[in-house]
């Protein structure tokens, strides 16, 4: 990705406009992420009243990173489980093929 491939995407968060460079193919994802952030911040503001913007941003960032970490751990666990099942299946197939070869040879 070089700078020529980037274009500017305008997003609005808590009443402020931000112009952010990103590749064209990621513009929709960036807008969706900005909208998700806006929604989380508005929910937090309604729940906590006059919380400072900095505090809301920090808490939202920490919560989002916690969710991301939990999802990564879940994915890692799932991937490990699938790998184990695939190895077991490969072993069973190999055993079956070996037994089949013995029947053909005999």
N, C-alpha and C. Protein backbone atom coordinates (compact mmCIF):
# COMPACT_ATOMS: atom_id res chain seq x y z
N UNK A 1 0.86 -1.17 0.00
CA UNK A 1 0.00 0.00 0.00
C UNK A 1 0.90 1.23 0.00
N UNK A 2 0.75 2.08 -0.98
CA UNK A 2 1.48 3.34 -0.96
C UNK A 2 0.50 4.49 -0.79
N UNK A 3 1.02 5.66 -0.56
CA UNK A 3 0.16 6.81 -0.25
C UNK A 3 -0.79 7.16 -1.39
N UNK A 4 -0.41 6.85 -2.62
CA UNK A 4 -1.28 7.14 -3.76
C UNK A 4 -2.54 6.29 -3.70
N UNK A 5 -2.42 5.08 -3.15
CA UNK A 5 -3.57 4.17 -3.06
C UNK A 5 -4.56 4.60 -1.98
N UNK A 6 -4.16 5.49 -1.09
CA UNK A 6 -5.03 5.92 0.00
C UNK A 6 -5.95 7.04 -0.45
N UNK A 7 -7.09 7.11 0.19
CA UNK A 7 -7.94 8.27 -0.01
C UNK A 7 -8.48 8.68 1.35
N UNK A 8 -9.10 9.82 1.40
CA UNK A 8 -9.56 10.38 2.66
C UNK A 8 -11.01 9.97 2.91
N UNK A 9 -11.25 9.46 4.12
CA UNK A 9 -12.60 9.12 4.55
C UNK A 9 -12.95 10.04 5.71
N UNK A 10 -14.09 10.67 5.63
CA UNK A 10 -14.54 11.57 6.70
C UNK A 10 -15.50 10.82 7.60
N UNK A 11 -15.22 10.84 8.91
CA UNK A 11 -16.11 10.22 9.90
C UNK A 11 -16.42 11.26 10.97
N UNK A 12 -17.54 11.08 11.62
CA UNK A 12 -17.95 12.01 12.68
C UNK A 12 -18.12 11.22 13.97
N UNK A 13 -17.38 11.66 15.00
CA UNK A 13 -17.43 11.00 16.31
C UNK A 13 -17.61 12.08 17.37
N UNK A 14 -18.65 11.94 18.15
CA UNK A 14 -18.99 12.89 19.21
C UNK A 14 -19.01 14.34 18.72
N UNK A 15 -19.60 14.52 17.55
CA UNK A 15 -19.76 15.87 17.03
C UNK A 15 -18.54 16.46 16.34
N UNK A 16 -17.46 15.69 16.25
CA UNK A 16 -16.26 16.19 15.58
C UNK A 16 -16.03 15.39 14.31
N UNK A 17 -15.62 16.09 13.27
CA UNK A 17 -15.28 15.43 12.01
C UNK A 17 -13.80 15.06 12.01
N UNK A 18 -13.51 13.88 11.52
CA UNK A 18 -12.14 13.41 11.39
C UNK A 18 -11.94 12.94 9.96
N UNK A 19 -10.87 13.38 9.34
CA UNK A 19 -10.50 12.92 8.00
C UNK A 19 -9.36 11.92 8.16
N UNK A 20 -9.61 10.70 7.70
CA UNK A 20 -8.66 9.62 7.92
C UNK A 20 -8.29 9.00 6.58
N UNK A 21 -6.98 8.81 6.36
CA UNK A 21 -6.51 8.16 5.15
C UNK A 21 -6.66 6.66 5.30
N UNK A 22 -7.14 6.03 4.24
CA UNK A 22 -7.20 4.57 4.23
C UNK A 22 -7.32 4.09 2.79
N UNK A 23 -6.97 2.83 2.55
CA UNK A 23 -7.14 2.29 1.20
C UNK A 23 -8.63 2.28 0.83
N UNK A 24 -8.94 2.49 -0.43
CA UNK A 24 -10.35 2.55 -0.85
C UNK A 24 -11.15 1.32 -0.44
N UNK A 25 -10.54 0.16 -0.51
CA UNK A 25 -11.27 -1.08 -0.19
C UNK A 25 -11.58 -1.22 1.30
N UNK A 26 -10.99 -0.38 2.13
CA UNK A 26 -11.26 -0.43 3.57
C UNK A 26 -12.14 0.72 4.06
N UNK A 27 -12.60 1.55 3.14
CA UNK A 27 -13.39 2.73 3.52
C UNK A 27 -14.69 2.35 4.23
N UNK A 28 -15.40 1.37 3.71
CA UNK A 28 -16.67 0.97 4.34
C UNK A 28 -16.44 0.41 5.74
N UNK A 29 -15.39 -0.39 5.91
CA UNK A 29 -15.07 -0.95 7.22
C UNK A 29 -14.70 0.16 8.20
N UNK A 30 -13.97 1.15 7.73
CA UNK A 30 -13.60 2.29 8.58
C UNK A 30 -14.85 3.05 9.03
N UNK A 31 -15.75 3.30 8.10
CA UNK A 31 -16.99 4.00 8.44
C UNK A 31 -17.82 3.20 9.44
N UNK A 32 -17.89 1.88 9.24
CA UNK A 32 -18.64 1.03 10.17
C UNK A 32 -18.00 1.04 11.55
N UNK A 33 -16.68 1.02 11.60
CA UNK A 33 -15.98 1.06 12.89
C UNK A 33 -16.22 2.39 13.59
N UNK A 34 -16.19 3.47 12.83
CA UNK A 34 -16.44 4.79 13.42
C UNK A 34 -17.87 4.87 13.96
N UNK A 35 -18.82 4.29 13.25
CA UNK A 35 -20.20 4.30 13.72
C UNK A 35 -20.35 3.46 14.98
N UNK A 36 -19.67 2.32 15.03
CA UNK A 36 -19.69 1.48 16.23
C UNK A 36 -19.09 2.23 17.42
N UNK A 37 -17.98 2.91 17.20
CA UNK A 37 -17.36 3.71 18.26
C UNK A 37 -18.31 4.81 18.72
N UNK A 38 -18.92 5.50 17.78
CA UNK A 38 -19.88 6.56 18.11
C UNK A 38 -21.01 6.00 18.98
N UNK A 39 -21.54 4.84 18.59
CA UNK A 39 -22.64 4.22 19.35
C UNK A 39 -22.20 3.87 20.77
N UNK A 40 -21.01 3.28 20.90
CA UNK A 40 -20.51 2.91 22.23
C UNK A 40 -20.31 4.14 23.11
N UNK A 41 -19.75 5.19 22.53
CA UNK A 41 -19.51 6.41 23.29
C UNK A 41 -20.83 7.07 23.71
N UNK A 42 -21.80 7.08 22.82
CA UNK A 42 -23.11 7.66 23.16
C UNK A 42 -23.79 6.86 24.26
N UNK A 43 -23.71 5.52 24.18
CA UNK A 43 -24.28 4.67 25.23
C UNK A 43 -23.62 4.96 26.57
N UNK A 44 -22.29 5.09 26.55
CA UNK A 44 -21.56 5.35 27.79
C UNK A 44 -21.93 6.73 28.35
N UNK A 45 -22.07 7.70 27.47
CA UNK A 45 -22.41 9.05 27.90
C UNK A 45 -23.80 9.07 28.54
N UNK A 46 -24.75 8.34 27.96
CA UNK A 46 -26.09 8.27 28.53
C UNK A 46 -26.09 7.56 29.88
N UNK A 47 -25.29 6.51 30.00
CA UNK A 47 -25.25 5.73 31.23
C UNK A 47 -24.54 6.46 32.36
N UNK A 48 -23.51 7.25 32.03
CA UNK A 48 -22.67 7.86 33.06
C UNK A 48 -22.82 9.37 33.16
N UNK A 49 -23.64 9.96 32.36
CA UNK A 49 -23.85 11.40 32.47
C UNK A 49 -22.69 12.23 31.99
N UNK A 50 -22.13 13.02 32.89
CA UNK A 50 -21.12 14.02 32.50
C UNK A 50 -19.69 13.49 32.57
N UNK A 51 -19.46 12.30 32.08
CA UNK A 51 -18.11 11.75 32.03
C UNK A 51 -17.31 12.50 30.97
N UNK A 52 -16.04 12.76 31.25
CA UNK A 52 -15.21 13.49 30.28
C UNK A 52 -15.00 12.65 29.02
N UNK A 53 -14.80 13.33 27.92
CA UNK A 53 -14.58 12.66 26.64
C UNK A 53 -13.34 11.78 26.70
N UNK A 54 -12.27 12.29 27.31
CA UNK A 54 -11.04 11.49 27.42
C UNK A 54 -11.30 10.19 28.17
N UNK A 55 -12.01 10.29 29.27
CA UNK A 55 -12.30 9.09 30.07
C UNK A 55 -13.16 8.11 29.27
N UNK A 56 -14.16 8.62 28.57
CA UNK A 56 -15.01 7.74 27.76
C UNK A 56 -14.20 7.04 26.67
N UNK A 57 -13.29 7.78 26.04
CA UNK A 57 -12.47 7.19 24.99
C UNK A 57 -11.55 6.11 25.54
N UNK A 58 -10.95 6.37 26.70
CA UNK A 58 -10.04 5.39 27.31
C UNK A 58 -10.81 4.14 27.71
N UNK A 59 -11.94 4.30 28.37
CA UNK A 59 -12.73 3.14 28.81
C UNK A 59 -13.23 2.35 27.61
N UNK A 60 -13.70 3.05 26.58
CA UNK A 60 -14.18 2.37 25.38
C UNK A 60 -13.04 1.62 24.69
N UNK A 61 -11.87 2.23 24.61
CA UNK A 61 -10.71 1.56 24.02
C UNK A 61 -10.33 0.32 24.81
N UNK A 62 -10.31 0.43 26.14
CA UNK A 62 -9.97 -0.73 26.97
C UNK A 62 -11.01 -1.84 26.82
N UNK A 63 -12.29 -1.48 26.82
CA UNK A 63 -13.33 -2.49 26.63
C UNK A 63 -13.23 -3.16 25.27
N UNK A 64 -12.96 -2.38 24.24
CA UNK A 64 -12.85 -2.93 22.89
C UNK A 64 -11.64 -3.86 22.77
N UNK A 65 -10.52 -3.46 23.37
CA UNK A 65 -9.34 -4.32 23.33
C UNK A 65 -9.54 -5.59 24.15
N UNK A 66 -10.28 -5.49 25.24
CA UNK A 66 -10.61 -6.68 26.03
C UNK A 66 -11.45 -7.65 25.19
N UNK A 67 -12.45 -7.12 24.49
CA UNK A 67 -13.29 -7.96 23.62
C UNK A 67 -12.44 -8.60 22.52
N UNK A 68 -11.55 -7.83 21.92
CA UNK A 68 -10.68 -8.35 20.87
C UNK A 68 -9.79 -9.46 21.40
N UNK A 69 -9.21 -9.24 22.57
CA UNK A 69 -8.35 -10.25 23.19
C UNK A 69 -9.12 -11.54 23.47
N UNK A 70 -10.33 -11.40 23.99
CA UNK A 70 -11.16 -12.58 24.27
C UNK A 70 -11.49 -13.33 22.98
N UNK A 71 -11.79 -12.61 21.91
CA UNK A 71 -12.08 -13.26 20.64
C UNK A 71 -10.85 -13.96 20.06
N UNK A 72 -9.68 -13.34 20.21
CA UNK A 72 -8.45 -13.98 19.74
C UNK A 72 -8.18 -15.27 20.51
N UNK A 73 -8.38 -15.23 21.83
CA UNK A 73 -8.19 -16.43 22.64
C UNK A 73 -9.18 -17.52 22.24
N UNK A 74 -10.42 -17.13 22.00
CA UNK A 74 -11.44 -18.09 21.58
C UNK A 74 -11.08 -18.70 20.23
N UNK A 75 -10.61 -17.87 19.31
CA UNK A 75 -10.20 -18.36 18.00
C UNK A 75 -9.03 -19.32 18.12
N UNK A 76 -8.07 -18.97 18.96
CA UNK A 76 -6.90 -19.83 19.16
C UNK A 76 -7.32 -21.18 19.72
N UNK A 77 -8.22 -21.17 20.67
CA UNK A 77 -8.71 -22.41 21.27
C UNK A 77 -9.46 -23.24 20.22
N UNK A 78 -10.29 -22.59 19.43
CA UNK A 78 -11.05 -23.27 18.39
C UNK A 78 -10.10 -23.86 17.35
N UNK A 79 -9.11 -23.08 16.92
CA UNK A 79 -8.14 -23.54 15.93
C UNK A 79 -7.38 -24.76 16.45
N UNK A 80 -6.98 -24.71 17.71
CA UNK A 80 -6.27 -25.84 18.31
C UNK A 80 -7.16 -27.09 18.33
N UNK A 81 -8.41 -26.92 18.67
CA UNK A 81 -9.35 -28.04 18.70
C UNK A 81 -9.54 -28.63 17.30
N UNK A 82 -9.68 -27.78 16.30
CA UNK A 82 -9.84 -28.25 14.92
C UNK A 82 -8.58 -28.98 14.46
N UNK A 83 -7.41 -28.44 14.79
CA UNK A 83 -6.15 -29.09 14.43
C UNK A 83 -6.06 -30.48 15.05
N UNK A 84 -6.43 -30.60 16.32
CA UNK A 84 -6.41 -31.91 16.99
C UNK A 84 -7.35 -32.89 16.30
N UNK A 85 -8.54 -32.44 15.96
CA UNK A 85 -9.51 -33.31 15.30
C UNK A 85 -9.03 -33.72 13.91
N UNK A 86 -8.40 -32.80 13.18
CA UNK A 86 -7.86 -33.13 11.87
C UNK A 86 -6.73 -34.16 11.97
N UNK A 87 -5.86 -33.99 12.94
CA UNK A 87 -4.78 -34.95 13.13
C UNK A 87 -5.34 -36.33 13.47
N UNK A 88 -6.36 -36.36 14.32
CA UNK A 88 -6.99 -37.62 14.68
C UNK A 88 -7.62 -38.26 13.44
N UNK A 89 -8.30 -37.48 12.63
CA UNK A 89 -8.93 -37.99 11.42
C UNK A 89 -7.89 -38.50 10.43
N UNK A 90 -6.79 -37.76 10.27
CA UNK A 90 -5.72 -38.21 9.37
C UNK A 90 -5.13 -39.52 9.84
N UNK A 91 -4.95 -39.65 11.13
CA UNK A 91 -4.42 -40.89 11.70
C UNK A 91 -5.37 -42.05 11.45
N UNK A 92 -6.66 -41.82 11.63
CA UNK A 92 -7.65 -42.87 11.40
C UNK A 92 -7.70 -43.26 9.92
N UNK A 93 -7.61 -42.28 9.02
CA UNK A 93 -7.60 -42.57 7.58
C UNK A 93 -6.37 -43.37 7.22
N UNK A 94 -5.22 -42.97 7.76
CA UNK A 94 -3.98 -43.69 7.48
C UNK A 94 -4.06 -45.13 7.98
N UNK A 95 -4.63 -45.32 9.17
CA UNK A 95 -4.80 -46.68 9.71
C UNK A 95 -5.72 -47.49 8.82
N UNK A 96 -6.80 -46.88 8.36
CA UNK A 96 -7.75 -47.57 7.49
C UNK A 96 -7.08 -47.96 6.17
N UNK A 97 -6.31 -47.03 5.58
CA UNK A 97 -5.62 -47.32 4.33
C UNK A 97 -4.58 -48.41 4.50
N UNK A 98 -3.87 -48.39 5.63
CA UNK A 98 -2.87 -49.43 5.90
C UNK A 98 -3.54 -50.78 6.05
N UNK A 99 -4.67 -50.83 6.74
CA UNK A 99 -5.41 -52.09 6.92
C UNK A 99 -5.95 -52.56 5.58
N UNK A 100 -6.40 -51.66 4.73
CA UNK A 100 -6.93 -52.01 3.42
C UNK A 100 -5.82 -52.58 2.54
N UNK A 101 -4.61 -52.01 2.62
CA UNK A 101 -3.47 -52.51 1.85
C UNK A 101 -3.13 -53.93 2.28
N UNK A 102 -3.21 -54.20 3.58
CA UNK A 102 -2.91 -55.54 4.09
C UNK A 102 -3.92 -56.54 3.55
N UNK A 103 -5.18 -56.16 3.43
CA UNK A 103 -6.20 -57.05 2.89
C UNK A 103 -5.96 -57.33 1.41
N UNK A 104 -5.53 -56.34 0.66
CA UNK A 104 -5.29 -56.51 -0.77
C UNK A 104 -4.08 -57.40 -0.99
N UNK A 105 -3.04 -57.23 -0.20
CA UNK A 105 -1.81 -58.00 -0.35
C UNK A 105 -2.04 -59.45 0.05
N UNK A 106 -2.84 -59.70 1.05
CA UNK A 106 -3.02 -61.05 1.56
C UNK A 106 -3.78 -61.91 0.65
